[in-house]
Amino acid sequence: MSNPSQAASTLLLGTGVGCFLIAGFGFVQGRISLDGLSLGLVFPALGAVLVAVSRSIRSGEGLFTAAFPSEDDDMLVERVHRDLESTRKEESMGSAWAELEAAVLETELSEE
């Protein structure tokens, strides 16, 4: 399994470099110019933002570190087990409430 922060960082870095490549082709073909504001200037700006976010995730600082934790395989397995256990507990509690409600309704109906 891959480290979530490394996978996200690599994906964002590749997308940022792709935006720079698109901007480079646009400049070479004359479709993007620096003479005025155009929609084509979004690509180099977006590329810079994506590369910066990729670097911040890889360093473990910034806004997206909680969304993409830097954990090894053992930590990931432990977190998934905890999440599954809490889901099982919530499901069993929900079914217990449903059974209790059914029993109360049954006794109310039998009294009438």
C-alpha atoms as a PDB file:
ATOM      1  CA  MET A   1       0.000   0.000   0.000  1.00  0.00           C
ATOM      2  CA  SER A   2       1.083   3.537  -0.646  1.00  0.00           C
ATOM      3  CA  ASN A   3       1.422   6.283   1.884  1.00  0.00           C
ATOM      4  CA  PRO A   4      -1.608   8.614   1.370  1.00  0.00           C
ATOM      5  CA  SER A   5       0.463  11.783   1.619  1.00  0.00           C
ATOM      6  CA  GLN A   6       2.994  10.531  -0.933  1.00  0.00           C
ATOM      7  CA  ALA A   7       0.252   9.448  -3.345  1.00  0.00           C
ATOM      8  CA  ALA A   8      -1.577  12.785  -3.088  1.00  0.00           C
ATOM      9  CA  SER A   9       1.662  14.729  -3.375  1.00  0.00           C
ATOM     10  CA  THR A  10       2.706  12.822  -6.489  1.00  0.00           C
ATOM     11  CA  LEU A  11      -0.722  13.236  -8.080  1.00  0.00           C
ATOM     12  CA  LEU A  12      -0.815  16.990  -7.401  1.00  0.00           C
ATOM     13  CA  LEU A  13       2.759  17.446  -8.592  1.00  0.00           C
ATOM     14  CA  GLY A  14       2.017  15.623 -11.842  1.00  0.00           C
ATOM     15  CA  THR A  15      -1.123  17.672 -12.410  1.00  0.00           C
ATOM     16  CA  GLY A  16       0.786  20.890 -11.725  1.00  0.00           C
ATOM     17  CA  VAL A  17       3.535  19.952 -14.165  1.00  0.00           C
ATOM     18  CA  GLY A  18       0.826  19.074 -16.698  1.00  0.00           C
ATOM     19  CA  CYS A  19      -0.660  22.555 -16.280  1.00  0.00           C
ATOM     20  CA  PHE A  20       2.788  24.061 -16.917  1.00  0.00           C
ATOM     21  CA  LEU A  21       3.111  21.871 -20.016  1.00  0.00           C
ATOM     22  CA  ILE A  22      -0.283  23.044 -21.296  1.00  0.00           C
ATOM     23  CA  ALA A  23       0.747  26.659 -20.679  1.00  0.00           C
ATOM     24  CA  GLY A  24       4.066  26.101 -22.465  1.00  0.00           C
ATOM     25  CA  PHE A  25       2.354  24.687 -25.537  1.00  0.00           C
ATOM     26  CA  GLY A  26      -0.107  27.576 -25.443  1.00  0.00           C
ATOM     27  CA  PHE A  27       2.719  30.123 -25.366  1.00  0.00           C
ATOM     28  CA  VAL A  28       4.642  28.370 -28.173  1.00  0.00           C
ATOM     29  CA  GLN A  29       1.575  28.196 -30.421  1.00  0.00           C
ATOM     30  CA  GLY A  30       0.584  31.761 -29.632  1.00  0.00           C
ATOM     31  CA  ARG A  31      -2.745  30.852 -28.035  1.00  0.00           C
ATOM     32  CA  ILE A  32      -1.705  32.349 -24.685  1.00  0.00           C
ATOM     33  CA  SER A  33      -0.036  35.724 -24.475  1.00  0.00           C
ATOM     34  CA  LEU A  34       1.160  37.922 -21.674  1.00  0.00           C
ATOM     35  CA  ASP A  35      -0.153  41.085 -23.369  1.00  0.00           C
ATOM     36  CA  GLY A  36      -3.479  41.005 -21.541  1.00  0.00           C
ATOM     37  CA  LEU A  37      -5.480  38.923 -19.142  1.00  0.00           C
ATOM     38  CA  SER A  38      -6.828  35.821 -20.769  1.00  0.00           C
ATOM     39  CA  LEU A  39      -8.267  32.529 -19.662  1.00  0.00           C
ATOM     40  CA  GLY A  40      -5.072  30.777 -20.717  1.00  0.00           C
ATOM     41  CA  LEU A  41      -3.148  32.367 -17.850  1.00  0.00           C
ATOM     42  CA  VAL A  42      -5.138  30.193 -15.458  1.00  0.00           C
ATOM     43  CA  PHE A  43      -3.005  27.162 -16.369  1.00  0.00           C
ATOM     44  CA  PRO A  44       0.375  28.448 -15.141  1.00  0.00           C
ATOM     45  CA  ALA A  45      -1.269  29.906 -12.023  1.00  0.00           C
ATOM     46  CA  LEU A  46      -3.060  26.625 -11.311  1.00  0.00           C
ATOM     47  CA  GLY A  47       0.188  24.738 -11.942  1.00  0.00           C
ATOM     48  CA  ALA A  48       2.016  26.884  -9.395  1.00  0.00           C
ATOM     49  CA  VAL A  49      -0.727  26.386  -6.803  1.00  0.00           C
ATOM     50  CA  LEU A  50      -0.783  22.606  -7.331  1.00  0.00           C
ATOM     51  CA  VAL A  51       3.000  22.318  -7.061  1.00  0.00           C
ATOM     52  CA  ALA A  52       2.963  24.414  -3.868  1.00  0.00           C
ATOM     53  CA  VAL A  53       0.214  22.271  -2.328  1.00  0.00           C
ATOM     54  CA  SER A  54       2.114  19.132  -3.333  1.00  0.00           C
ATOM     55  CA  ARG A  55       5.233  20.382  -1.565  1.00  0.00           C
ATOM     56  CA  SER A  56       3.265  21.314   1.557  1.00  0.00           C
ATOM     57  CA  ILE A  57       1.660  17.862   1.738  1.00  0.00           C
ATOM     58  CA  ARG A  58       5.008  16.151   1.266  1.00  0.00           C
ATOM     59  CA  SER A  59       6.590  18.255   4.038  1.00  0.00           C
ATOM     60  CA  GLY A  60       3.699  17.465   6.412  1.00  0.00           C
ATOM     61  CA  GLU A  61       2.561  21.062   6.834  1.00  0.00           C
ATOM     62  CA  GLY A  62      -0.339  23.016   5.445  1.00  0.00           C
ATOM     63  CA  LEU A  63      -4.066  22.731   5.014  1.00  0.00           C
ATOM     64  CA  PHE A  64      -4.318  19.256   3.530  1.00  0.00           C
ATOM     65  CA  THR A  65      -2.149  17.283   5.956  1.00  0.00           C
ATOM     66  CA  ALA A  66      -5.216  16.096   7.890  1.00  0.00           C
ATOM     67  CA  ALA A  67      -6.878  14.876   4.695  1.00  0.00           C
ATOM     68  CA  PHE A  68      -3.737  13.062   3.503  1.00  0.00           C
ATOM     69  CA  PRO A  69      -1.938  11.711   6.582  1.00  0.00           C
ATOM     70  CA  SER A  70       1.651  10.582   6.437  1.00  0.00           C
ATOM     71  CA  GLU A  71       1.293   7.067   7.824  1.00  0.00           C
ATOM     72  CA  ASP A  72       3.000   3.783   7.127  1.00  0.00           C
ATOM     73  CA  ASP A  73       1.239   0.475   6.415  1.00  0.00           C
ATOM     74  CA  ASP A  74       0.906  -0.538  10.065  1.00  0.00           C
ATOM     75  CA  MET A  75      -0.634   2.780  11.047  1.00  0.00           C
ATOM     76  CA  LEU A  76      -3.030   2.598   8.091  1.00  0.00           C
ATOM     77  CA  VAL A  77      -4.137  -0.929   9.008  1.00  0.00           C
ATOM     78  CA  GLU A  78      -4.683   0.121  12.634  1.00  0.00           C
ATOM     79  CA  ARG A  79      -6.740   3.167  11.597  1.00  0.00           C
ATOM     80  CA  VAL A  80      -8.908   1.079   9.262  1.00  0.00           C
ATOM     81  CA  HIS A  81      -9.494  -1.488  12.026  1.00  0.00           C
ATOM     82  CA  ARG A  82     -10.542   1.280  14.433  1.00  0.00           C
ATOM     83  CA  ASP A  83     -12.920   2.730  11.844  1.00  0.00           C
ATOM     84  CA  LEU A  84     -14.460  -0.689  11.166  1.00  0.00           C
ATOM     85  CA  GLU A  85     -14.866  -1.388  14.874  1.00  0.00           C
ATOM     86  CA  SER A  86     -16.600   1.936  15.487  1.00  0.00           C
ATOM     87  CA  THR A  87     -18.895   1.281  12.522  1.00  0.00           C
ATOM     88  CA  ARG A  88     -19.796  -2.144  13.922  1.00  0.00           C
ATOM     89  CA  LYS A  89     -20.543  -0.638  17.332  1.00  0.00           C
ATOM     90  CA  GLU A  90     -22.785   2.022  15.781  1.00  0.00           C
ATOM     91  CA  GLU A  91     -24.649  -0.606  13.751  1.00  0.00           C
ATOM     92  CA  SER A  92     -25.188  -2.852  16.774  1.00  0.00           C
ATOM     93  CA  MET A  93     -26.419   0.120  18.824  1.00  0.00           C
ATOM     94  CA  GLY A  94     -28.818   1.055  16.022  1.00  0.00           C
ATOM     95  CA  SER A  95     -30.220  -2.460  15.857  1.00  0.00           C
ATOM     96  CA  ALA A  96     -30.599  -2.562  19.657  1.00  0.00           C
ATOM     97  CA  TRP A  97     -32.631   0.653  19.553  1.00  0.00           C
ATOM     98  CA  ALA A  98     -34.777  -0.772  16.766  1.00  0.00           C
ATOM     99  CA  GLU A  99     -35.440  -3.938  18.769  1.00  0.00           C
ATOM    100  CA  LEU A 100     -36.322  -1.916  21.872  1.00  0.00           C
ATOM    101  CA  GLU A 101     -38.677   0.290  19.888  1.00  0.00           C
ATOM    102  CA  ALA A 102     -40.335  -2.764  18.341  1.00  0.00           C
ATOM    103  CA  ALA A 103     -40.812  -4.296  21.774  1.00  0.00           C
ATOM    104  CA  VAL A 104     -42.364  -1.080  23.149  1.00  0.00           C
ATOM    105  CA  LEU A 105     -44.725  -0.817  20.190  1.00  0.00           C
ATOM    106  CA  GLU A 106     -45.649  -4.471  20.566  1.00  0.00           C
ATOM    107  CA  THR A 107     -46.532  -4.020  24.230  1.00  0.00           C
ATOM    108  CA  GLU A 108     -48.542  -0.878  23.466  1.00  0.00           C
ATOM    109  CA  LEU A 109     -50.480  -2.704  20.770  1.00  0.00           C
ATOM    110  CA  SER A 110     -51.133  -5.685  23.007  1.00  0.00           C
ATOM    111  CA  GLU A 111     -52.490  -3.370  25.739  1.00  0.00           C
ATOM    112  CA  GLU A 112     -55.047  -1.871  23.339  1.00  0.00           C
END
